Amino acid sequence: MSLSEYFGITKKRGLTAIVGGGGKTTLMYKLADEISLEGKSVVVSTTTKIMNPCEKYSVYYDVS
């Protein structure tokens, strides 16, 4: 089972918020990577500073 299936993120369009005490950035990038590899468009954003994704994620990022 994929992360998007586990969390019920299977619709064509939607908004997903991630909150908690740890692992939010990793989860966000893993979900974005997984969904983009399915051919869907993904936008990730934050209201705070965020680490750059490491090279293991296929998502394109712009940190300007």
Protein backbone atom coordinates (compact mmCIF):
# COMPACT_ATOMS: atom_id res chain seq x y z
CA MET A 1 0.00 0.00 0.00
CA SER A 2 1.33 3.42 -0.91
CA LEU A 3 1.45 6.40 1.45
CA SER A 4 -1.17 8.25 -0.58
CA GLU A 5 -3.52 5.26 -0.37
CA TYR A 6 -2.85 4.87 3.35
CA PHE A 7 -3.74 8.49 4.03
CA GLY A 8 -6.63 8.51 1.56
CA ILE A 9 -5.00 10.96 -0.86
CA THR A 10 -6.31 9.42 -4.06
CA LYS A 11 -8.49 12.10 -5.65
CA LYS A 12 -7.48 14.06 -8.73
CA ARG A 13 -7.48 17.32 -6.80
CA GLY A 14 -7.17 18.10 -3.18
CA LEU A 15 -5.35 19.76 -0.37
CA THR A 16 -3.40 17.89 2.27
CA ALA A 17 -2.12 19.51 5.47
CA ILE A 18 0.60 17.85 7.52
CA VAL A 19 0.94 18.78 11.19
CA GLY A 20 2.76 17.26 14.12
CA GLY A 21 5.92 17.16 16.14
CA GLY A 22 8.35 15.54 13.76
CA GLY A 23 8.75 14.05 10.30
CA LYS A 24 6.52 16.52 8.48
CA THR A 25 9.09 17.53 5.87
CA THR A 26 10.11 13.96 5.13
CA LEU A 27 6.48 12.87 4.81
CA MET A 28 5.68 15.86 2.60
CA TYR A 29 8.53 15.11 0.19
CA LYS A 30 7.81 11.37 0.13
CA LEU A 31 4.15 11.99 -0.66
CA ALA A 32 5.04 14.59 -3.31
CA ASP A 33 7.53 12.20 -4.88
CA GLU A 34 5.10 9.29 -4.88
CA ILE A 35 2.22 11.31 -6.33
CA SER A 36 4.37 12.99 -8.98
CA LEU A 37 5.68 9.60 -10.10
CA GLU A 38 2.03 8.68 -10.75
CA GLY A 39 1.96 11.50 -13.31
CA LYS A 40 -0.01 13.93 -11.15
CA SER A 41 0.95 17.53 -10.51
CA VAL A 42 2.09 18.35 -6.99
CA VAL A 43 2.78 21.64 -5.22
CA VAL A 44 4.35 21.70 -1.76
CA SER A 45 4.58 24.75 0.45
CA THR A 46 5.19 25.77 4.02
CA THR A 47 4.64 28.76 6.24
CA THR A 48 8.10 28.38 7.77
CA LYS A 49 11.63 27.61 6.62
CA ILE A 50 12.07 24.18 5.15
CA MET A 51 15.05 22.01 4.33
CA ASN A 52 15.93 21.39 0.69
CA PRO A 53 14.92 17.94 -0.49
CA CYS A 54 17.82 15.58 -0.85
CA GLU A 55 18.67 14.05 -4.21
CA LYS A 56 16.75 10.84 -3.50
CA TYR A 57 13.45 12.60 -4.22
CA SER A 58 12.53 13.08 -7.86
CA VAL A 59 10.55 16.24 -7.23
CA TYR A 60 11.75 19.46 -8.81
CA TYR A 61 12.20 22.25 -6.36
CA ASP A 62 12.85 25.96 -6.47
CA VAL A 63 14.13 27.51 -3.26
CA SER A 64 14.35 31.10 -4.48
